[in-house]
């Protein structure tokens, strides 16, 4: 698929997709005419990247953990530094706190909706 279709399907701008390519997060193939061609699996990959960025991970860390998200899992951390491991632990803790907060908010909204609907 072309960059426009990938952008539409992932709700990501073409400019941002090219940035992901520059950072080594995605790798499109090239057609004979030089156009980029994006494989179907990149739809999920871009959504994973966006989720990790939204969670606060920097692209340098995302690049290193992307292989861990593949199925079957391929884990390769030849250059895992103590700093990187500490960053990942910190980010995991932060994500857990965010998930708990979001869960509490979702449950409160559901409870509110249940009450409002029962009064209708």
PDB file of N, CA and C in Angstrom:
ATOM      1  N   UNK A   1       0.847  -1.169   0.000  1.00  0.00           N
ATOM      2  CA  UNK A   1       0.000   0.000   0.000  1.00  0.00           C
ATOM      3  C   UNK A   1       0.891   1.229   0.000  1.00  0.00           C
ATOM      4  N   UNK A   2       0.355   2.317  -0.426  1.00  0.00           N
ATOM      5  CA  UNK A   2       1.088   3.579  -0.460  1.00  0.00           C
ATOM      6  C   UNK A   2       0.970   4.296   0.876  1.00  0.00           C
ATOM      7  N   UNK A   3       1.778   5.307   1.048  1.00  0.00           N
ATOM      8  CA  UNK A   3       1.848   6.029   2.316  1.00  0.00           C
ATOM      9  C   UNK A   3       0.506   6.668   2.690  1.00  0.00           C
ATOM     10  N   UNK A   4      -0.233   7.139   1.692  1.00  0.00           N
ATOM     11  CA  UNK A   4      -1.527   7.763   1.965  1.00  0.00           C
ATOM     12  C   UNK A   4      -2.514   6.790   2.585  1.00  0.00           C
ATOM     13  N   UNK A   5      -2.523   5.566   2.085  1.00  0.00           N
ATOM     14  CA  UNK A   5      -3.435   4.563   2.643  1.00  0.00           C
ATOM     15  C   UNK A   5      -3.014   4.181   4.063  1.00  0.00           C
ATOM     16  N   UNK A   6      -1.710   4.001   4.277  1.00  0.00           N
ATOM     17  CA  UNK A   6      -1.234   3.688   5.623  1.00  0.00           C
ATOM     18  C   UNK A   6      -1.575   4.831   6.574  1.00  0.00           C
ATOM     19  N   UNK A   7      -1.413   6.045   6.117  1.00  0.00           N
ATOM     20  CA  UNK A   7      -1.743   7.213   6.936  1.00  0.00           C
ATOM     21  C   UNK A   7      -3.230   7.208   7.291  1.00  0.00           C
ATOM     22  N   UNK A   8      -4.083   6.927   6.324  1.00  0.00           N
ATOM     23  CA  UNK A   8      -5.527   6.911   6.557  1.00  0.00           C
ATOM     24  C   UNK A   8      -5.906   5.799   7.533  1.00  0.00           C
ATOM     25  N   UNK A   9      -5.351   4.616   7.325  1.00  0.00           N
ATOM     26  CA  UNK A   9      -5.725   3.454   8.146  1.00  0.00           C
ATOM     27  C   UNK A   9      -5.214   3.548   9.580  1.00  0.00           C
ATOM     28  N   UNK A  10      -4.159   4.311   9.795  1.00  0.00           N
ATOM     29  CA  UNK A  10      -3.589   4.434  11.138  1.00  0.00           C
ATOM     30  C   UNK A  10      -3.855   5.806  11.761  1.00  0.00           C
ATOM     31  N   UNK A  11      -4.527   6.670  10.999  1.00  0.00           N
ATOM     32  CA  UNK A  11      -4.780   8.044  11.440  1.00  0.00           C
ATOM     33  C   UNK A  11      -3.485   8.728  11.853  1.00  0.00           C
ATOM     34  N   UNK A  12      -2.475   8.556  11.001  1.00  0.00           N
ATOM     35  CA  UNK A  12      -1.148   9.114  11.221  1.00  0.00           C
ATOM     36  C   UNK A  12      -0.759   9.893   9.978  1.00  0.00           C
ATOM     37  N   UNK A  13      -0.192  11.049  10.139  1.00  0.00           N
ATOM     38  CA  UNK A  13       0.159  11.856   8.974  1.00  0.00           C
ATOM     39  C   UNK A  13       1.299  11.196   8.186  1.00  0.00           C
ATOM     40  N   UNK A  14       1.325  11.394   6.867  1.00  0.00           N
ATOM     41  CA  UNK A  14       2.447  10.879   6.071  1.00  0.00           C
ATOM     42  C   UNK A  14       3.796  11.405   6.574  1.00  0.00           C
ATOM     43  N   UNK A  15       3.803  12.645   7.023  1.00  0.00           N
ATOM     44  CA  UNK A  15       5.047  13.220   7.539  1.00  0.00           C
ATOM     45  C   UNK A  15       5.551  12.433   8.753  1.00  0.00           C
ATOM     46  N   UNK A  16       4.628  12.067   9.635  1.00  0.00           N
ATOM     47  CA  UNK A  16       5.000  11.293  10.814  1.00  0.00           C
ATOM     48  C   UNK A  16       5.453   9.888  10.420  1.00  0.00           C
ATOM     49  N   UNK A  17       4.833   9.299   9.413  1.00  0.00           N
ATOM     50  CA  UNK A  17       5.262   7.977   8.928  1.00  0.00           C
ATOM     51  C   UNK A  17       6.680   8.039   8.373  1.00  0.00           C
ATOM     52  N   UNK A  18       6.988   9.108   7.661  1.00  0.00           N
ATOM     53  CA  UNK A  18       8.360   9.267   7.159  1.00  0.00           C
ATOM     54  C   UNK A  18       9.350   9.445   8.312  1.00  0.00           C
ATOM     55  N   UNK A  19       8.914  10.129   9.374  1.00  0.00           N
ATOM     56  CA  UNK A  19       9.756  10.266  10.565  1.00  0.00           C
ATOM     57  C   UNK A  19      10.015   8.897  11.191  1.00  0.00           C
ATOM     58  N   UNK A  20       8.980   8.074  11.302  1.00  0.00           N
ATOM     59  CA  UNK A  20       9.155   6.722  11.835  1.00  0.00           C
ATOM     60  C   UNK A  20      10.164   5.950  10.988  1.00  0.00           C
ATOM     61  N   UNK A  21      10.103   6.152   9.688  1.00  0.00           N
ATOM     62  CA  UNK A  21      11.066   5.486   8.797  1.00  0.00           C
ATOM     63  C   UNK A  21      12.484   6.001   9.070  1.00  0.00           C
ATOM     64  N   UNK A  22      12.649   7.304   9.214  1.00  0.00           N
ATOM     65  CA  UNK A  22      13.973   7.881   9.495  1.00  0.00           C
ATOM     66  C   UNK A  22      14.538   7.360  10.814  1.00  0.00           C
ATOM     67  N   UNK A  23      13.658   7.112  11.783  1.00  0.00           N
ATOM     68  CA  UNK A  23      14.086   6.620  13.095  1.00  0.00           C
ATOM     69  C   UNK A  23      14.320   5.108  13.104  1.00  0.00           C
ATOM     70  N   UNK A  24      14.028   4.451  11.981  1.00  0.00           N
ATOM     71  CA  UNK A  24      14.224   3.003  11.891  1.00  0.00           C
ATOM     72  C   UNK A  24      13.124   2.203  12.554  1.00  0.00           C
ATOM     73  N   UNK A  25      11.960   2.825  12.777  1.00  0.00           N
ATOM     74  CA  UNK A  25      10.846   2.136  13.418  1.00  0.00           C
ATOM     75  C   UNK A  25      10.020   1.331  12.422  1.00  0.00           C
ATOM     76  N   UNK A  26       9.946   1.797  11.198  1.00  0.00           N
ATOM     77  CA  UNK A  26       9.280   1.050  10.126  1.00  0.00           C
ATOM     78  C   UNK A  26      10.180   1.075   8.905  1.00  0.00           C
ATOM     79  N   UNK A  27      10.041   0.051   8.081  1.00  0.00           N
ATOM     80  CA  UNK A  27      10.858  -0.031   6.874  1.00  0.00           C
ATOM     81  C   UNK A  27       9.984  -0.434   5.693  1.00  0.00           C
ATOM     82  N   UNK A  28       9.607   0.539   4.859  1.00  0.00           N
ATOM     83  CA  UNK A  28       8.847   0.192   3.667  1.00  0.00           C
ATOM     84  C   UNK A  28       9.778  -0.380   2.602  1.00  0.00           C
ATOM     85  N   UNK A  29       9.191  -1.114   1.692  1.00  0.00           N
ATOM     86  CA  UNK A  29       9.986  -1.559   0.547  1.00  0.00           C
ATOM     87  C   UNK A  29       9.892  -0.475  -0.520  1.00  0.00           C
ATOM     88  N   UNK A  30      10.723  -0.586  -1.525  1.00  0.00           N
ATOM     89  CA  UNK A  30      10.703   0.392  -2.622  1.00  0.00           C
ATOM     90  C   UNK A  30      10.302  -0.309  -3.908  1.00  0.00           C
ATOM     91  N   UNK A  31       9.401   0.316  -4.630  1.00  0.00           N
ATOM     92  CA  UNK A  31       8.998  -0.198  -5.929  1.00  0.00           C
ATOM     93  C   UNK A  31      10.026   0.225  -6.970  1.00  0.00           C
ATOM     94  N   UNK A  32       9.915  -0.308  -8.171  1.00  0.00           N
ATOM     95  CA  UNK A  32      10.869  -0.004  -9.237  1.00  0.00           C
ATOM     96  C   UNK A  32      10.935   1.496  -9.532  1.00  0.00           C
ATOM     97  N   UNK A  33       9.802   2.182  -9.374  1.00  0.00           N
ATOM     98  CA  UNK A  33       9.766   3.622  -9.646  1.00  0.00           C
ATOM     99  C   UNK A  33      10.255   4.456  -8.460  1.00  0.00           C
ATOM    100  N   UNK A  34      10.685   3.791  -7.369  1.00  0.00           N
ATOM    101  CA  UNK A  34      11.208   4.495  -6.204  1.00  0.00           C
ATOM    102  C   UNK A  34      10.175   4.820  -5.147  1.00  0.00           C
ATOM    103  N   UNK A  35       8.889   4.570  -5.430  1.00  0.00           N
ATOM    104  CA  UNK A  35       7.846   4.842  -4.444  1.00  0.00           C
ATOM    105  C   UNK A  35       7.950   3.867  -3.284  1.00  0.00           C
ATOM    106  N   UNK A  36       7.592   4.366  -2.111  1.00  0.00           N
ATOM    107  CA  UNK A  36       7.537   3.491  -0.934  1.00  0.00           C
ATOM    108  C   UNK A  36       6.311   2.586  -1.040  1.00  0.00           C
ATOM    109  N   UNK A  37       6.472   1.360  -0.585  1.00  0.00           N
ATOM    110  CA  UNK A  37       5.365   0.416  -0.519  1.00  0.00           C
ATOM    111  C   UNK A  37       5.340  -0.155   0.890  1.00  0.00           C
ATOM    112  N   UNK A  38       4.193  -0.021   1.552  1.00  0.00           N
ATOM    113  CA  UNK A  38       4.066  -0.426   2.939  1.00  0.00           C
ATOM    114  C   UNK A  38       3.298  -1.739   3.035  1.00  0.00           C
ATOM    115  N   UNK A  39       3.904  -2.720   3.704  1.00  0.00           N
ATOM    116  CA  UNK A  39       3.264  -4.016   3.892  1.00  0.00           C
ATOM    117  C   UNK A  39       2.113  -3.900   4.883  1.00  0.00           C
ATOM    118  N   UNK A  40       1.182  -4.826   4.790  1.00  0.00           N
ATOM    119  CA  UNK A  40      -0.008  -4.841   5.644  1.00  0.00           C
ATOM    120  C   UNK A  40       0.340  -4.869   7.139  1.00  0.00           C
ATOM    121  N   UNK A  41       1.381  -5.606   7.521  1.00  0.00           N
ATOM    122  CA  UNK A  41       1.726  -5.717   8.941  1.00  0.00           C
ATOM    123  C   UNK A  41       2.103  -4.371   9.547  1.00  0.00           C
ATOM    124  N   UNK A  42       2.472  -3.396   8.699  1.00  0.00           N
ATOM    125  CA  UNK A  42       2.873  -2.091   9.216  1.00  0.00           C
ATOM    126  C   UNK A  42       1.700  -1.300   9.794  1.00  0.00           C
ATOM    127  N   UNK A  43       0.478  -1.676   9.446  1.00  0.00           N
ATOM    128  CA  UNK A  43      -0.684  -1.007  10.055  1.00  0.00           C
ATOM    129  C   UNK A  43      -0.639  -1.232  11.561  1.00  0.00           C
ATOM    130  N   UNK A  44      -0.507  -2.494  11.973  1.00  0.00           N
ATOM    131  CA  UNK A  44      -0.428  -2.784  13.402  1.00  0.00           C
ATOM    132  C   UNK A  44       0.841  -2.206  14.023  1.00  0.00           C
ATOM    133  N   UNK A  45       1.933  -2.259  13.285  1.00  0.00           N
ATOM    134  CA  UNK A  45       3.200  -1.757  13.816  1.00  0.00           C
ATOM    135  C   UNK A  45       3.099  -0.259  14.110  1.00  0.00           C
ATOM    136  N   UNK A  46       2.513   0.504  13.196  1.00  0.00           N
ATOM    137  CA  UNK A  46       2.368   1.949  13.411  1.00  0.00           C
ATOM    138  C   UNK A  46       1.464   2.215  14.610  1.00  0.00           C
ATOM    139  N   UNK A  47       0.400   1.439  14.760  1.00  0.00           N
ATOM    140  CA  UNK A  47      -0.485   1.614  15.916  1.00  0.00           C
ATOM    141  C   UNK A  47       0.247   1.284  17.215  1.00  0.00           C
ATOM    142  N   UNK A  48       1.110   0.273  17.181  1.00  0.00           N
ATOM    143  CA  UNK A  48       1.923  -0.043  18.360  1.00  0.00           C
ATOM    144  C   UNK A  48       2.872   1.100  18.683  1.00  0.00           C
ATOM    145  N   UNK A  49       3.517   1.623  17.666  1.00  0.00           N
ATOM    146  CA  UNK A  49       4.456   2.736  17.854  1.00  0.00           C
ATOM    147  C   UNK A  49       3.731   3.935  18.460  1.00  0.00           C
ATOM    148  N   UNK A  50       2.586   4.259  17.907  1.00  0.00           N
ATOM    149  CA  UNK A  50       1.827   5.407  18.425  1.00  0.00           C
ATOM    150  C   UNK A  50       1.424   5.200  19.874  1.00  0.00           C
ATOM    151  N   UNK A  51       1.019   3.969  20.198  1.00  0.00           N
ATOM    152  CA  UNK A  51       0.648   3.672  21.580  1.00  0.00           C
ATOM    153  C   UNK A  51       1.821   3.823  22.531  1.00  0.00           C
ATOM    154  N   UNK A  52       2.989   3.361  22.097  1.00  0.00           N
ATOM    155  CA  UNK A  52       4.182   3.482  22.937  1.00  0.00           C
ATOM    156  C   UNK A  52       4.610   4.940  23.078  1.00  0.00           C
ATOM    157  N   UNK A  53       4.507   5.705  21.998  1.00  0.00           N
ATOM    158  CA  UNK A  53       4.821   7.134  22.077  1.00  0.00           C
ATOM    159  C   UNK A  53       3.837   7.850  22.997  1.00  0.00           C
ATOM    160  N   UNK A  54       2.553   7.505  22.865  1.00  0.00           N
ATOM    161  CA  UNK A  54       1.541   8.105  23.738  1.00  0.00           C
ATOM    162  C   UNK A  54       1.795   7.769  25.199  1.00  0.00           C
ATOM    163  N   UNK A  55       2.383   6.594  25.436  1.00  0.00           N
ATOM    164  CA  UNK A  55       2.696   6.186  26.806  1.00  0.00           C
ATOM    165  C   UNK A  55       3.939   6.891  27.337  1.00  0.00           C
ATOM    166  N   UNK A  56       4.637   7.630  26.471  1.00  0.00           N
ATOM    167  CA  UNK A  56       5.775   8.409  26.916  1.00  0.00           C
ATOM    168  C   UNK A  56       7.138   7.821  26.612  1.00  0.00           C
ATOM    169  N   UNK A  57       7.193   6.709  25.898  1.00  0.00           N
ATOM    170  CA  UNK A  57       8.489   6.118  25.574  1.00  0.00           C
ATOM    171  C   UNK A  57       9.157   6.886  24.438  1.00  0.00           C
ATOM    172  N   UNK A  58      10.445   7.123  24.525  1.00  0.00           N
ATOM    173  CA  UNK A  58      11.162   7.784  23.427  1.00  0.00           C
ATOM    174  C   UNK A  58      11.405   6.799  22.281  1.00  0.00           C
ATOM    175  N   UNK A  59      11.577   7.339  21.088  1.00  0.00           N
ATOM    176  CA  UNK A  59      11.747   6.483  19.905  1.00  0.00           C
ATOM    177  C   UNK A  59      12.970   5.580  20.014  1.00  0.00           C
ATOM    178  N   UNK A  60      14.035   6.031  20.698  1.00  0.00           N
ATOM    179  CA  UNK A  60      15.229   5.180  20.807  1.00  0.00           C
ATOM    180  C   UNK A  60      14.935   3.914  21.598  1.00  0.00           C
ATOM    181  N   UNK A  61      14.062   3.994  22.606  1.00  0.00           N
ATOM    182  CA  UNK A  61      13.667   2.819  23.376  1.00  0.00           C
ATOM    183  C   UNK A  61      12.683   1.979  22.565  1.00  0.00           C
ATOM    184  N   UNK A  62      11.741   2.648  21.896  1.00  0.00           N
ATOM    185  CA  UNK A  62      10.753   1.926  21.086  1.00  0.00           C
ATOM    186  C   UNK A  62      11.452   1.078  20.035  1.00  0.00           C
ATOM    187  N   UNK A  63      12.466   1.635  19.402  1.00  0.00           N
ATOM    188  CA  UNK A  63      13.196   0.894  18.374  1.00  0.00           C
ATOM    189  C   UNK A  63      13.781  -0.399  18.937  1.00  0.00           C
ATOM    190  N   UNK A  64      14.219  -0.350  20.170  1.00  0.00           N
ATOM    191  CA  UNK A  64      14.836  -1.532  20.777  1.00  0.00           C
ATOM    192  C   UNK A  64      13.822  -2.570  21.229  1.00  0.00           C
ATOM    193  N   UNK A  65      12.610  -2.133  21.596  1.00  0.00           N
ATOM    194  CA  UNK A  65      11.646  -3.110  22.089  1.00  0.00           C
ATOM    195  C   UNK A  65      10.672  -3.599  21.016  1.00  0.00           C
ATOM    196  N   UNK A  66      10.662  -2.972  19.842  1.00  0.00           N
ATOM    197  CA  UNK A  66       9.742  -3.412  18.788  1.00  0.00           C
ATOM    198  C   UNK A  66       9.867  -4.900  18.461  1.00  0.00           C
ATOM    199  N   UNK A  67      11.070  -5.470  18.397  1.00  0.00           N
ATOM    200  CA  UNK A  67      11.141  -6.907  18.117  1.00  0.00           C
ATOM    201  C   UNK A  67      10.417  -7.757  19.164  1.00  0.00           C
ATOM    202  N   UNK A  68      10.292  -7.257  20.374  1.00  0.00           N
ATOM    203  CA  UNK A  68       9.599  -7.992  21.429  1.00  0.00           C
ATOM    204  C   UNK A  68       8.094  -8.032  21.195  1.00  0.00           C
ATOM    205  N   UNK A  69       7.595  -7.173  20.325  1.00  0.00           N
ATOM    206  CA  UNK A  69       6.165  -7.112  20.056  1.00  0.00           C
ATOM    207  C   UNK A  69       5.757  -8.012  18.904  1.00  0.00           C
ATOM    208  N   UNK A  70       6.741  -8.580  18.209  1.00  0.00           N
ATOM    209  CA  UNK A  70       6.453  -9.472  17.090  1.00  0.00           C
ATOM    210  C   UNK A  70       5.931 -10.809  17.590  1.00  0.00           C
ATOM    211  N   UNK A  71       5.225 -11.498  16.709  1.00  0.00           N
ATOM    212  CA  UNK A  71       4.808 -12.871  16.983  1.00  0.00           C
ATOM    213  C   UNK A  71       5.362 -13.728  15.879  1.00  0.00           C
ATOM    214  N   UNK A  72       6.156 -14.734  16.124  1.00  0.00           N
ATOM    215  CA  UNK A  72       6.615 -15.133  17.454  1.00  0.00           C
ATOM    216  C   UNK A  72       7.595 -14.104  17.995  1.00  0.00           C
ATOM    217  N   UNK A  73       7.688 -14.045  19.282  1.00  0.00           N
ATOM    218  CA  UNK A  73       8.514 -13.041  19.936  1.00  0.00           C
ATOM    219  C   UNK A  73       9.997 -13.277  19.673  1.00  0.00           C
ATOM    220  N   UNK A  74      10.664 -12.209  19.303  1.00  0.00           N
ATOM    221  CA  UNK A  74      12.106 -12.242  19.110  1.00  0.00           C
ATOM    222  C   UNK A  74      12.691 -11.212  20.051  1.00  0.00           C
ATOM    223  N   UNK A  75      13.381 -11.656  21.046  1.00  0.00           N
ATOM    224  CA  UNK A  75      13.939 -10.723  22.016  1.00  0.00           C
ATOM    225  C   UNK A  75      15.443 -10.637  21.794  1.00  0.00           C
ATOM    226  N   UNK A  76      15.902  -9.428  21.514  1.00  0.00           N
ATOM    227  CA  UNK A  76      17.322  -9.214  21.249  1.00  0.00           C
ATOM    228  C   UNK A  76      17.731  -7.886  21.862  1.00  0.00           C
ATOM    229  N   UNK A  77      18.455  -7.945  22.957  1.00  0.00           N
ATOM    230  CA  UNK A  77      18.920  -6.746  23.636  1.00  0.00           C
ATOM    231  C   UNK A  77      20.422  -6.829  23.850  1.00  0.00           C
ATOM    232  N   UNK A  78      21.156  -6.858  22.779  1.00  0.00           N
ATOM    233  CA  UNK A  78      22.612  -6.942  22.900  1.00  0.00           C
ATOM    234  C   UNK A  78      23.176  -5.708  23.594  1.00  0.00           C
ATOM    235  N   UNK A  79      22.487  -4.575  23.459  1.00  0.00           N
ATOM    236  CA  UNK A  79      23.014  -3.341  24.017  1.00  0.00           C
ATOM    237  C   UNK A  79      22.122  -2.768  25.120  1.00  0.00           C
ATOM    238  N   UNK A  80      21.428  -3.640  25.858  1.00  0.00           N
ATOM    239  CA  UNK A  80      20.575  -3.176  26.951  1.00  0.00           C
ATOM    240  C   UNK A  80      21.459  -2.648  28.081  1.00  0.00           C
ATOM    241  N   UNK A  81      21.350  -1.366  28.317  1.00  0.00           N
ATOM    242  CA  UNK A  81      22.158  -0.734  29.356  1.00  0.00           C
ATOM    243  C   UNK A  81      21.356  -0.673  30.658  1.00  0.00           C
ATOM    244  N   UNK A  82      22.025  -0.511  31.781  1.00  0.00           N
ATOM    245  CA  UNK A  82      21.293  -0.327  33.041  1.00  0.00           C
ATOM    246  C   UNK A  82      20.347   0.873  32.970  1.00  0.00           C
ATOM    247  N   UNK A  83      20.761   1.927  32.262  1.00  0.00           N
ATOM    248  CA  UNK A  83      19.899   3.110  32.106  1.00  0.00           C
ATOM    249  C   UNK A  83      18.627   2.757  31.347  1.00  0.00           C
ATOM    250  N   UNK A  84      18.773   1.983  30.264  1.00  0.00           N
ATOM    251  CA  UNK A  84      17.602   1.599  29.476  1.00  0.00           C
ATOM    252  C   UNK A  84      16.663   0.732  30.310  1.00  0.00           C
ATOM    253  N   UNK A  85      17.203  -0.212  31.055  1.00  0.00           N
ATOM    254  CA  UNK A  85      16.372  -1.079  31.885  1.00  0.00           C
ATOM    255  C   UNK A  85      15.653  -0.276  32.961  1.00  0.00           C
ATOM    256  N   UNK A  86      16.349   0.684  33.557  1.00  0.00           N
ATOM    257  CA  UNK A  86      15.719   1.549  34.556  1.00  0.00           C
ATOM    258  C   UNK A  86      14.613   2.384  33.930  1.00  0.00           C
ATOM    259  N   UNK A  87      14.855   2.886  32.723  1.00  0.00           N
ATOM    260  CA  UNK A  87      13.840   3.662  32.011  1.00  0.00           C
ATOM    261  C   UNK A  87      12.609   2.811  31.743  1.00  0.00           C
ATOM    262  N   UNK A  88      12.825   1.580  31.279  1.00  0.00           N
ATOM    263  CA  UNK A  88      11.695   0.693  31.002  1.00  0.00           C
ATOM    264  C   UNK A  88      10.915   0.359  32.268  1.00  0.00           C
ATOM    265  N   UNK A  89      11.610   0.122  33.360  1.00  0.00           N
ATOM    266  CA  UNK A  89      10.927  -0.148  34.625  1.00  0.00           C
ATOM    267  C   UNK A  89      10.114   1.061  35.072  1.00  0.00           C
ATOM    268  N   UNK A  90      10.697   2.238  34.947  1.00  0.00           N
ATOM    269  CA  UNK A  90      10.005   3.465  35.327  1.00  0.00           C
ATOM    270  C   UNK A  90       8.777   3.691  34.442  1.00  0.00           C
ATOM    271  N   UNK A  91       8.936   3.486  33.153  1.00  0.00           N
ATOM    272  CA  UNK A  91       7.816   3.669  32.226  1.00  0.00           C
ATOM    273  C   UNK A  91       6.714   2.641  32.478  1.00  0.00           C
ATOM    274  N   UNK A  92       7.106   1.418  32.802  1.00  0.00           N
ATOM    275  CA  UNK A  92       6.112   0.386  33.108  1.00  0.00           C
ATOM    276  C   UNK A  92       5.315   0.781  34.344  1.00  0.00           C
ATOM    277  N   UNK A  93       5.993   1.276  35.364  1.00  0.00           N
ATOM    278  CA  UNK A  93       5.301   1.730  36.572  1.00  0.00           C
ATOM    279  C   UNK A  93       4.365   2.898  36.264  1.00  0.00           C
ATOM    280  N   UNK A  94       4.835   3.832  35.446  1.00  0.00           N
ATOM    281  CA  UNK A  94       4.005   4.990  35.088  1.00  0.00           C
ATOM    282  C   UNK A  94       2.772   4.542  34.314  1.00  0.00           C
ATOM    283  N   UNK A  95       2.953   3.599  33.372  1.00  0.00           N
ATOM    284  CA  UNK A  95       1.819   3.080  32.598  1.00  0.00           C
ATOM    285  C   UNK A  95       0.814   2.390  33.509  1.00  0.00           C
ATOM    286  N   UNK A  96       1.308   1.627  34.473  1.00  0.00           N
ATOM    287  CA  UNK A  96       0.421   0.931  35.411  1.00  0.00           C
ATOM    288  C   UNK A  96      -0.411   1.937  36.193  1.00  0.00           C
ATOM    289  N   UNK A  97       0.228   3.005  36.665  1.00  0.00           N
ATOM    290  CA  UNK A  97      -0.516   4.044  37.387  1.00  0.00           C
ATOM    291  C   UNK A  97      -1.559   4.689  36.479  1.00  0.00           C
ATOM    292  N   UNK A  98      -1.199   4.929  35.241  1.00  0.00           N
ATOM    293  CA  UNK A  98      -2.134   5.544  34.290  1.00  0.00           C
ATOM    294  C   UNK A  98      -3.308   4.607  34.003  1.00  0.00           C
ATOM    295  N   UNK A  99      -3.014   3.323  33.840  1.00  0.00           N
ATOM    296  CA  UNK A  99      -4.075   2.339  33.595  1.00  0.00           C
ATOM    297  C   UNK A  99      -5.039   2.304  34.771  1.00  0.00           C
ATOM    298  N   UNK A 100      -4.505   2.312  35.994  1.00  0.00           N
ATOM    299  CA  UNK A 100      -5.360   2.300  37.181  1.00  0.00           C
ATOM    300  C   UNK A 100      -6.250   3.540  37.229  1.00  0.00           C
ATOM    301  N   UNK A 101      -5.681   4.679  36.910  1.00  0.00           N
ATOM    302  CA  UNK A 101      -6.444   5.928  36.905  1.00  0.00           C
ATOM    303  C   UNK A 101      -7.535   5.881  35.831  1.00  0.00           C
ATOM    304  N   UNK A 102      -7.180   5.434  34.644  1.00  0.00           N
ATOM    305  CA  UNK A 102      -8.156   5.338  33.564  1.00  0.00           C
ATOM    306  C   UNK A 102      -9.265   4.340  33.911  1.00  0.00           C
ATOM    307  N   UNK A 103      -8.893   3.247  34.539  1.00  0.00           N
ATOM    308  CA  UNK A 103      -9.882   2.247  34.937  1.00  0.00           C
ATOM    309  C   UNK A 103     -10.858   2.835  35.956  1.00  0.00           C
ATOM    310  N   UNK A 104     -10.326   3.551  36.940  1.00  0.00           N
ATOM    311  CA  UNK A 104     -11.207   4.197  37.933  1.00  0.00           C
ATOM    312  C   UNK A 104     -12.145   5.192  37.252  1.00  0.00           C
ATOM    313  N   UNK A 105     -11.613   5.994  36.345  1.00  0.00           N
ATOM    314  CA  UNK A 105     -12.449   6.980  35.648  1.00  0.00           C
ATOM    315  C   UNK A 105     -13.505   6.303  34.780  1.00  0.00           C
ATOM    316  N   UNK A 106     -13.113   5.244  34.076  1.00  0.00           N
ATOM    317  CA  UNK A 106     -14.068   4.514  33.237  1.00  0.00           C
ATOM    318  C   UNK A 106     -15.184   3.943  34.105  1.00  0.00           C
ATOM    319  N   UNK A 107     -14.814   3.328  35.229  1.00  0.00           N
ATOM    320  CA  UNK A 107     -15.812   2.729  36.106  1.00  0.00           C
ATOM    321  C   UNK A 107     -16.760   3.784  36.677  1.00  0.00           C
ATOM    322  N   UNK A 108     -16.229   4.955  37.023  1.00  0.00           N
ATOM    323  CA  UNK A 108     -17.076   6.038  37.541  1.00  0.00           C
ATOM    324  C   UNK A 108     -18.054   6.519  36.473  1.00  0.00           C
ATOM    325  N   UNK A 109     -17.581   6.634  35.244  1.00  0.00           N
ATOM    326  CA  UNK A 109     -18.457   7.067  34.149  1.00  0.00           C
ATOM    327  C   UNK A 109     -19.527   6.011  33.878  1.00  0.00           C
ATOM    328  N   UNK A 110     -19.142   4.745  33.896  1.00  0.00           N
ATOM    329  CA  UNK A 110     -20.131   3.666  33.703  1.00  0.00           C
ATOM    330  C   UNK A 110     -21.199   3.713  34.791  1.00  0.00           C
ATOM    331  N   UNK A 111     -20.760   3.895  36.033  1.00  0.00           N
ATOM    332  CA  UNK A 111     -21.706   3.963  37.147  1.00  0.00           C
ATOM    333  C   UNK A 111     -22.651   5.146  36.966  1.00  0.00           C
ATOM    334  N   UNK A 112     -22.110   6.280  36.571  1.00  0.00           N
ATOM    335  CA  UNK A 112     -22.931   7.469  36.318  1.00  0.00           C
ATOM    336  C   UNK A 112     -23.953   7.185  35.224  1.00  0.00           C
ATOM    337  N   UNK A 113     -23.483   6.572  34.122  1.00  0.00           N
ATOM    338  CA  UNK A 113     -24.395   6.254  33.019  1.00  0.00           C
ATOM    339  C   UNK A 113     -25.491   5.291  33.455  1.00  0.00           C
ATOM    340  N   UNK A 114     -25.122   4.299  34.253  1.00  0.00           N
ATOM    341  CA  UNK A 114     -26.123   3.342  34.736  1.00  0.00           C
ATOM    342  C   UNK A 114     -27.214   4.051  35.549  1.00  0.00           C
ATOM    343  N   UNK A 115     -26.804   4.972  36.428  1.00  0.00           N
ATOM    344  CA  UNK A 115     -27.763   5.704  37.244  1.00  0.00           C
ATOM    345  C   UNK A 115     -28.651   6.583  36.362  1.00  0.00           C
ATOM    346  N   UNK A 116     -28.046   7.316  35.451  1.00  0.00           N
ATOM    347  CA  UNK A 116     -28.805   8.226  34.581  1.00  0.00           C
ATOM    348  C   UNK A 116     -29.786   7.432  33.708  1.00  0.00           C
ATOM    349  N   UNK A 117     -29.319   6.314  33.170  1.00  0.00           N
ATOM    350  CA  UNK A 117     -30.214   5.491  32.323  1.00  0.00           C
ATOM    351  C   UNK A 117     -31.354   4.886  33.128  1.00  0.00           C
ATOM    352  N   UNK A 118     -31.094   4.533  34.372  1.00  0.00           N
ATOM    353  CA  UNK A 118     -32.165   3.934  35.191  1.00  0.00           C
ATOM    354  C   UNK A 118     -33.241   4.965  35.542  1.00  0.00           C
ATOM    355  N   UNK A 119     -32.870   6.245  35.547  1.00  0.00           N
ATOM    356  CA  UNK A 119     -33.832   7.310  35.848  1.00  0.00           C
ATOM    357  C   UNK A 119     -34.649   7.709  34.631  1.00  0.00           C
ATOM    358  N   UNK A 120     -34.215   7.291  33.480  1.00  0.00           N
ATOM    359  CA  UNK A 120     -34.910   7.677  32.239  1.00  0.00           C
ATOM    360  C   UNK A 120     -36.138   6.844  31.983  1.00  0.00           C
TER     361      UNK A 120
END
